[in-house]
């Protein structure tokens, strides 16, 4: 059986990205592997084994173009309102709280935030489909 273990994004500034993900979501560095010309940094949370891999290419001097193919990362939290307020108080500029309904019933409550490289992260209220 296959097991999802990580998702990778390319970032331009290791320290800035690590600080953002720790401050916003409590992700911490699990491992860091410098190679000739690039570095891989694996971030994880205390709840799951899934990791976010940050790839920093040493020769990159301009932002990456995310294009129109990138979707988003998703994170679930116990208290969406409190998390939104905490992230806003930290100066990380979360988007507005939203609710999506399906068949006349709530399907999901969420907000989006962008990391320093422009990657979108969806923060969802934990429950139902979004444990």
N, C-alpha and C. Protein backbone atom coordinates (compact mmCIF):
# COMPACT_ATOMS: atom_id res chain seq x y z
N UNK A 1 0.84 -1.19 0.00
CA UNK A 1 0.00 0.00 0.00
C UNK A 1 0.89 1.24 0.00
N UNK A 2 0.57 2.19 -0.83
CA UNK A 2 1.32 3.45 -0.88
C UNK A 2 1.01 4.32 0.33
N UNK A 3 1.97 5.10 0.73
CA UNK A 3 1.82 6.02 1.86
C UNK A 3 2.37 7.37 1.45
N UNK A 4 1.57 8.41 1.56
CA UNK A 4 2.04 9.77 1.25
C UNK A 4 3.04 10.17 2.34
N UNK A 5 4.21 10.70 1.91
CA UNK A 5 5.22 11.06 2.90
C UNK A 5 5.64 12.52 2.87
N UNK A 6 5.62 13.16 1.68
CA UNK A 6 5.95 14.59 1.66
C UNK A 6 5.50 15.24 0.36
N UNK A 7 5.47 16.56 0.42
CA UNK A 7 5.25 17.39 -0.76
C UNK A 7 6.40 18.38 -0.79
N UNK A 8 6.89 18.73 -1.99
CA UNK A 8 8.05 19.60 -2.12
C UNK A 8 7.66 20.91 -2.80
N UNK A 9 8.22 21.98 -2.29
CA UNK A 9 8.13 23.29 -2.94
C UNK A 9 9.53 23.89 -2.99
N UNK A 10 9.77 24.71 -4.01
CA UNK A 10 11.06 25.40 -4.15
C UNK A 10 10.93 26.79 -3.53
N UNK A 11 11.88 27.13 -2.68
CA UNK A 11 11.85 28.43 -2.01
C UNK A 11 13.16 29.16 -2.28
N UNK A 12 13.13 30.46 -2.15
CA UNK A 12 14.32 31.26 -2.46
C UNK A 12 15.16 31.61 -1.24
N UNK A 13 14.57 31.59 -0.04
CA UNK A 13 15.29 32.01 1.16
C UNK A 13 14.96 31.02 2.28
N UNK A 14 15.92 30.18 2.60
CA UNK A 14 15.70 29.12 3.60
C UNK A 14 15.23 29.67 4.94
N UNK A 15 15.96 30.63 5.48
CA UNK A 15 15.64 31.15 6.81
C UNK A 15 14.25 31.77 6.84
N UNK A 16 13.92 32.54 5.83
CA UNK A 16 12.61 33.19 5.76
C UNK A 16 11.49 32.16 5.69
N UNK A 17 11.66 31.13 4.88
CA UNK A 17 10.63 30.10 4.72
C UNK A 17 10.49 29.25 5.97
N UNK A 18 11.60 28.83 6.56
CA UNK A 18 11.54 28.03 7.80
C UNK A 18 10.85 28.83 8.89
N UNK A 19 11.20 30.11 9.02
CA UNK A 19 10.57 30.96 10.05
C UNK A 19 9.07 31.10 9.80
N UNK A 20 8.66 31.28 8.55
CA UNK A 20 7.25 31.41 8.23
C UNK A 20 6.47 30.16 8.63
N UNK A 21 6.94 29.00 8.19
CA UNK A 21 6.20 27.76 8.46
C UNK A 21 6.18 27.40 9.94
N UNK A 22 7.23 27.77 10.66
CA UNK A 22 7.21 27.54 12.11
C UNK A 22 6.24 28.50 12.79
N UNK A 23 6.30 29.75 12.43
CA UNK A 23 5.45 30.77 13.05
C UNK A 23 3.98 30.56 12.70
N UNK A 24 3.71 30.25 11.45
CA UNK A 24 2.32 30.11 11.01
C UNK A 24 1.70 28.79 11.45
N UNK A 25 2.45 27.69 11.37
CA UNK A 25 1.84 26.37 11.55
C UNK A 25 2.57 25.46 12.53
N UNK A 26 3.62 25.93 13.17
CA UNK A 26 4.33 25.11 14.14
C UNK A 26 5.17 24.01 13.52
N UNK A 27 5.44 24.09 12.21
CA UNK A 27 6.29 23.10 11.56
C UNK A 27 7.74 23.36 11.96
N UNK A 28 8.46 22.30 12.27
CA UNK A 28 9.85 22.45 12.65
C UNK A 28 10.73 21.60 11.74
N UNK A 29 12.00 21.94 11.70
CA UNK A 29 12.94 21.22 10.85
C UNK A 29 13.17 19.83 11.43
N UNK A 30 12.83 18.81 10.63
CA UNK A 30 13.08 17.42 11.02
C UNK A 30 14.45 16.99 10.54
N UNK A 31 14.82 17.42 9.35
CA UNK A 31 16.12 17.10 8.77
C UNK A 31 16.50 18.19 7.78
N UNK A 32 17.81 18.34 7.61
CA UNK A 32 18.35 19.31 6.66
C UNK A 32 19.56 18.67 5.99
N UNK A 33 19.53 18.65 4.64
CA UNK A 33 20.59 17.99 3.88
C UNK A 33 21.18 18.93 2.83
N UNK A 34 22.36 19.50 3.11
CA UNK A 34 23.02 20.31 2.09
C UNK A 34 23.70 19.41 1.05
N UNK A 35 23.53 19.74 -0.20
CA UNK A 35 24.19 19.07 -1.32
C UNK A 35 24.95 20.13 -2.10
N UNK A 36 25.71 19.71 -3.07
CA UNK A 36 26.43 20.64 -3.92
C UNK A 36 25.43 21.38 -4.80
N UNK A 37 25.17 22.64 -4.51
CA UNK A 37 24.28 23.46 -5.32
C UNK A 37 22.85 23.57 -4.84
N UNK A 38 22.43 22.76 -3.87
CA UNK A 38 21.06 22.86 -3.35
C UNK A 38 21.00 22.27 -1.94
N UNK A 39 19.93 22.63 -1.22
CA UNK A 39 19.70 22.12 0.13
C UNK A 39 18.26 21.65 0.23
N UNK A 40 18.06 20.51 0.89
CA UNK A 40 16.72 19.98 1.17
C UNK A 40 16.45 20.12 2.66
N UNK A 41 15.31 20.73 2.99
CA UNK A 41 14.92 20.91 4.38
C UNK A 41 13.55 20.25 4.54
N UNK A 42 13.43 19.34 5.49
CA UNK A 42 12.16 18.64 5.74
C UNK A 42 11.53 19.18 7.00
N UNK A 43 10.30 19.70 6.86
CA UNK A 43 9.55 20.24 7.98
C UNK A 43 8.42 19.29 8.34
N UNK A 44 8.14 19.19 9.64
CA UNK A 44 7.00 18.35 10.05
C UNK A 44 6.34 18.94 11.27
N UNK A 45 5.13 18.45 11.52
CA UNK A 45 4.40 18.87 12.71
C UNK A 45 4.40 17.72 13.72
N UNK A 46 3.83 17.97 14.88
CA UNK A 46 3.83 16.96 15.95
C UNK A 46 2.74 15.91 15.75
N UNK A 47 1.78 16.16 14.84
CA UNK A 47 0.62 15.27 14.72
C UNK A 47 0.73 14.21 13.64
N UNK A 48 1.46 14.47 12.58
CA UNK A 48 1.46 13.52 11.46
C UNK A 48 2.88 13.23 11.01
N UNK A 49 3.03 12.20 10.22
CA UNK A 49 4.33 11.88 9.66
C UNK A 49 4.58 12.55 8.33
N UNK A 50 3.57 13.24 7.80
CA UNK A 50 3.69 13.91 6.50
C UNK A 50 4.62 15.10 6.64
N UNK A 51 5.49 15.32 5.66
CA UNK A 51 6.45 16.40 5.72
C UNK A 51 6.32 17.34 4.52
N UNK A 52 6.75 18.57 4.74
CA UNK A 52 6.90 19.54 3.67
C UNK A 52 8.39 19.66 3.39
N UNK A 53 8.78 19.36 2.16
CA UNK A 53 10.18 19.48 1.77
C UNK A 53 10.39 20.83 1.10
N UNK A 54 11.30 21.62 1.65
CA UNK A 54 11.69 22.88 1.04
C UNK A 54 12.99 22.63 0.28
N UNK A 55 13.01 22.97 -1.00
CA UNK A 55 14.23 22.86 -1.80
C UNK A 55 14.74 24.26 -2.08
N UNK A 56 15.98 24.50 -1.68
CA UNK A 56 16.62 25.79 -1.92
C UNK A 56 17.76 25.55 -2.91
N UNK A 57 17.61 26.08 -4.12
CA UNK A 57 18.65 25.96 -5.14
C UNK A 57 19.63 27.12 -4.97
N UNK A 58 20.91 26.80 -4.83
CA UNK A 58 21.92 27.80 -4.54
C UNK A 58 22.13 28.82 -5.63
N UNK A 59 21.84 28.48 -6.88
CA UNK A 59 22.09 29.41 -7.97
C UNK A 59 20.87 30.25 -8.33
N UNK A 60 19.82 30.15 -7.55
CA UNK A 60 18.58 30.88 -7.86
C UNK A 60 18.65 32.29 -7.29
N UNK A 61 18.49 33.30 -8.14
CA UNK A 61 18.55 34.68 -7.67
C UNK A 61 17.27 35.46 -7.95
N UNK A 62 16.24 34.78 -8.42
CA UNK A 62 14.96 35.46 -8.66
C UNK A 62 13.82 34.55 -8.20
N UNK A 63 12.68 35.12 -7.91
CA UNK A 63 11.54 34.31 -7.46
C UNK A 63 11.10 33.29 -8.51
N UNK A 64 10.54 32.19 -8.05
CA UNK A 64 10.01 31.19 -8.96
C UNK A 64 8.67 31.66 -9.51
N UNK A 65 8.38 31.28 -10.73
CA UNK A 65 7.06 31.54 -11.31
C UNK A 65 6.19 30.35 -10.98
N UNK A 66 5.13 30.59 -10.21
CA UNK A 66 4.28 29.49 -9.78
C UNK A 66 3.36 29.01 -10.89
N UNK A 67 3.13 29.84 -11.88
CA UNK A 67 2.31 29.44 -13.01
C UNK A 67 0.86 29.22 -12.64
N UNK A 68 0.15 28.53 -13.49
CA UNK A 68 -1.27 28.31 -13.24
C UNK A 68 -1.59 26.85 -12.92
N UNK A 69 -0.55 26.06 -12.61
CA UNK A 69 -0.76 24.66 -12.32
C UNK A 69 -0.71 24.33 -10.83
N UNK A 70 -0.18 25.24 -10.03
CA UNK A 70 -0.06 24.97 -8.59
C UNK A 70 -1.39 25.19 -7.92
N UNK A 71 -1.80 24.25 -7.08
CA UNK A 71 -3.05 24.38 -6.31
C UNK A 71 -2.76 25.00 -4.96
N UNK A 72 -2.65 24.16 -3.95
CA UNK A 72 -2.34 24.64 -2.61
C UNK A 72 -2.02 23.49 -1.68
N UNK A 73 -1.39 23.81 -0.57
CA UNK A 73 -1.23 22.88 0.54
C UNK A 73 -2.44 23.08 1.44
N UNK A 74 -2.81 22.09 2.22
CA UNK A 74 -3.93 22.22 3.15
C UNK A 74 -3.52 21.74 4.53
N UNK A 75 -3.95 22.48 5.53
CA UNK A 75 -3.68 22.18 6.94
C UNK A 75 -5.00 22.28 7.68
N UNK A 76 -5.28 21.32 8.57
CA UNK A 76 -6.50 21.41 9.37
C UNK A 76 -6.14 21.81 10.80
N UNK A 77 -7.05 22.55 11.43
CA UNK A 77 -6.85 23.03 12.80
C UNK A 77 -8.12 22.79 13.61
N UNK A 78 -7.96 22.71 14.94
CA UNK A 78 -9.10 22.47 15.83
C UNK A 78 -10.03 23.68 15.92
N UNK A 79 -9.47 24.88 15.94
CA UNK A 79 -10.27 26.09 16.13
C UNK A 79 -9.87 27.12 15.06
N UNK A 80 -10.62 27.14 13.98
CA UNK A 80 -10.28 27.99 12.83
C UNK A 80 -10.28 29.47 13.20
N UNK A 81 -11.26 29.90 13.98
CA UNK A 81 -11.35 31.32 14.35
C UNK A 81 -10.15 31.75 15.18
N UNK A 82 -9.77 30.92 16.15
CA UNK A 82 -8.62 31.25 16.99
C UNK A 82 -7.33 31.24 16.17
N UNK A 83 -7.21 30.29 15.24
CA UNK A 83 -6.01 30.20 14.41
C UNK A 83 -5.91 31.41 13.47
N UNK A 84 -7.03 31.83 12.91
CA UNK A 84 -7.06 33.02 12.05
C UNK A 84 -6.61 34.24 12.85
N UNK A 85 -7.16 34.39 14.06
CA UNK A 85 -6.79 35.54 14.90
C UNK A 85 -5.32 35.50 15.28
N UNK A 86 -4.79 34.32 15.60
CA UNK A 86 -3.38 34.19 15.97
C UNK A 86 -2.47 34.56 14.80
N UNK A 87 -2.80 34.05 13.61
CA UNK A 87 -1.98 34.31 12.43
C UNK A 87 -2.06 35.79 12.04
N UNK A 88 -3.25 36.37 12.18
CA UNK A 88 -3.40 37.80 11.90
C UNK A 88 -2.59 38.64 12.89
N UNK A 89 -2.64 38.28 14.18
CA UNK A 89 -1.88 39.01 15.20
C UNK A 89 -0.38 38.88 14.98
N UNK A 90 0.05 37.78 14.36
CA UNK A 90 1.46 37.59 14.05
C UNK A 90 1.89 38.38 12.82
N UNK A 91 0.95 39.09 12.18
CA UNK A 91 1.28 39.91 11.02
C UNK A 91 1.47 39.12 9.74
N UNK A 92 0.87 37.93 9.66
CA UNK A 92 1.07 37.07 8.49
C UNK A 92 -0.03 37.19 7.43
N UNK A 93 -0.95 38.11 7.59
CA UNK A 93 -1.93 38.49 6.59
C UNK A 93 -2.79 37.35 6.03
N UNK A 94 -3.55 36.67 6.89
CA UNK A 94 -4.44 35.63 6.37
C UNK A 94 -5.59 36.26 5.58
N UNK A 95 -6.13 35.50 4.64
CA UNK A 95 -7.31 35.95 3.92
C UNK A 95 -8.54 35.86 4.81
N UNK A 96 -9.66 36.26 4.26
CA UNK A 96 -10.92 36.24 5.00
C UNK A 96 -11.38 34.82 5.29
N UNK A 97 -12.07 34.65 6.41
CA UNK A 97 -12.71 33.38 6.73
C UNK A 97 -13.85 33.15 5.75
N UNK A 98 -13.96 31.92 5.24
CA UNK A 98 -15.01 31.60 4.27
C UNK A 98 -15.64 30.27 4.63
N UNK A 99 -16.86 30.08 4.11
CA UNK A 99 -17.53 28.79 4.26
C UNK A 99 -18.03 28.34 2.90
N UNK A 100 -17.84 27.08 2.61
CA UNK A 100 -18.32 26.49 1.37
C UNK A 100 -19.42 25.49 1.74
N UNK A 101 -20.56 25.62 1.09
CA UNK A 101 -21.68 24.72 1.34
C UNK A 101 -21.86 23.77 0.17
N UNK A 102 -22.44 22.62 0.48
CA UNK A 102 -22.76 21.62 -0.54
C UNK A 102 -24.09 20.99 -0.18
N UNK A 103 -25.01 20.96 -1.12
CA UNK A 103 -26.36 20.42 -0.89
C UNK A 103 -27.03 21.08 0.31
N UNK A 104 -26.81 22.39 0.44
CA UNK A 104 -27.46 23.15 1.51
C UNK A 104 -26.86 22.95 2.89
N UNK A 105 -25.74 22.26 2.98
CA UNK A 105 -25.12 22.00 4.27
C UNK A 105 -23.66 22.49 4.24
N UNK A 106 -23.15 22.88 5.40
CA UNK A 106 -21.74 23.29 5.44
C UNK A 106 -20.82 22.15 5.01
N UNK A 107 -19.91 22.45 4.11
CA UNK A 107 -18.94 21.47 3.65
C UNK A 107 -17.57 21.74 4.27
N UNK A 108 -17.20 23.01 4.34
CA UNK A 108 -15.92 23.36 4.92
C UNK A 108 -15.82 24.83 5.25
N UNK A 109 -15.14 25.14 6.36
CA UNK A 109 -14.79 26.52 6.73
C UNK A 109 -13.29 26.63 6.60
N UNK A 110 -12.81 27.77 6.06
CA UNK A 110 -11.40 27.88 5.74
C UNK A 110 -10.98 29.32 5.54
N UNK A 111 -9.66 29.50 5.46
CA UNK A 111 -9.07 30.73 4.95
C UNK A 111 -7.77 30.34 4.26
N UNK A 112 -7.27 31.23 3.44
CA UNK A 112 -6.00 31.02 2.76
C UNK A 112 -4.96 32.01 3.27
N UNK A 113 -3.71 31.59 3.20
CA UNK A 113 -2.58 32.45 3.50
C UNK A 113 -1.49 32.10 2.48
N UNK A 114 -0.65 33.05 2.15
CA UNK A 114 0.45 32.79 1.22
C UNK A 114 1.76 32.81 1.98
N UNK A 115 2.67 31.90 1.60
CA UNK A 115 3.99 31.89 2.22
C UNK A 115 4.87 32.95 1.55
N UNK A 116 6.10 33.13 2.00
CA UNK A 116 6.96 34.18 1.43
C UNK A 116 7.24 34.05 -0.06
N UNK A 117 7.10 32.85 -0.63
CA UNK A 117 7.32 32.65 -2.05
C UNK A 117 6.03 32.66 -2.86
N UNK A 118 4.90 32.92 -2.20
CA UNK A 118 3.62 33.02 -2.89
C UNK A 118 2.81 31.74 -2.95
N UNK A 119 3.30 30.65 -2.33
CA UNK A 119 2.52 29.41 -2.31
C UNK A 119 1.30 29.60 -1.42
N UNK A 120 0.16 29.14 -1.88
CA UNK A 120 -1.08 29.25 -1.12
C UNK A 120 -1.20 28.07 -0.16
N UNK A 121 -1.66 28.37 1.05
CA UNK A 121 -1.93 27.36 2.06
C UNK A 121 -3.37 27.55 2.51
N UNK A 122 -4.16 26.49 2.44
CA UNK A 122 -5.54 26.52 2.91
C UNK A 122 -5.56 26.01 4.34
N UNK A 123 -6.17 26.77 5.24
CA UNK A 123 -6.30 26.37 6.63
C UNK A 123 -7.78 26.07 6.85
N UNK A 124 -8.07 24.81 7.18
CA UNK A 124 -9.44 24.32 7.30
C UNK A 124 -9.81 24.00 8.74
N UNK A 125 -11.07 24.23 9.08
CA UNK A 125 -11.61 23.78 10.36
C UNK A 125 -11.62 22.26 10.36
N UNK A 126 -11.01 21.66 11.36
CA UNK A 126 -10.95 20.20 11.44
C UNK A 126 -12.34 19.63 11.71
N UNK A 127 -12.66 18.56 11.02
CA UNK A 127 -13.93 17.88 11.22
C UNK A 127 -14.47 17.37 9.90
N UNK A 128 -15.35 16.37 9.98
CA UNK A 128 -15.94 15.80 8.78
C UNK A 128 -14.89 15.29 7.81
N UNK A 129 -14.92 15.78 6.59
CA UNK A 129 -13.98 15.39 5.54
C UNK A 129 -12.55 15.84 5.82
N UNK A 130 -12.41 16.84 6.65
CA UNK A 130 -11.12 17.50 6.85
C UNK A 130 -10.54 17.24 8.24
N UNK A 131 -10.23 16.01 8.51
CA UNK A 131 -9.60 15.66 9.80
C UNK A 131 -8.16 15.99 9.69
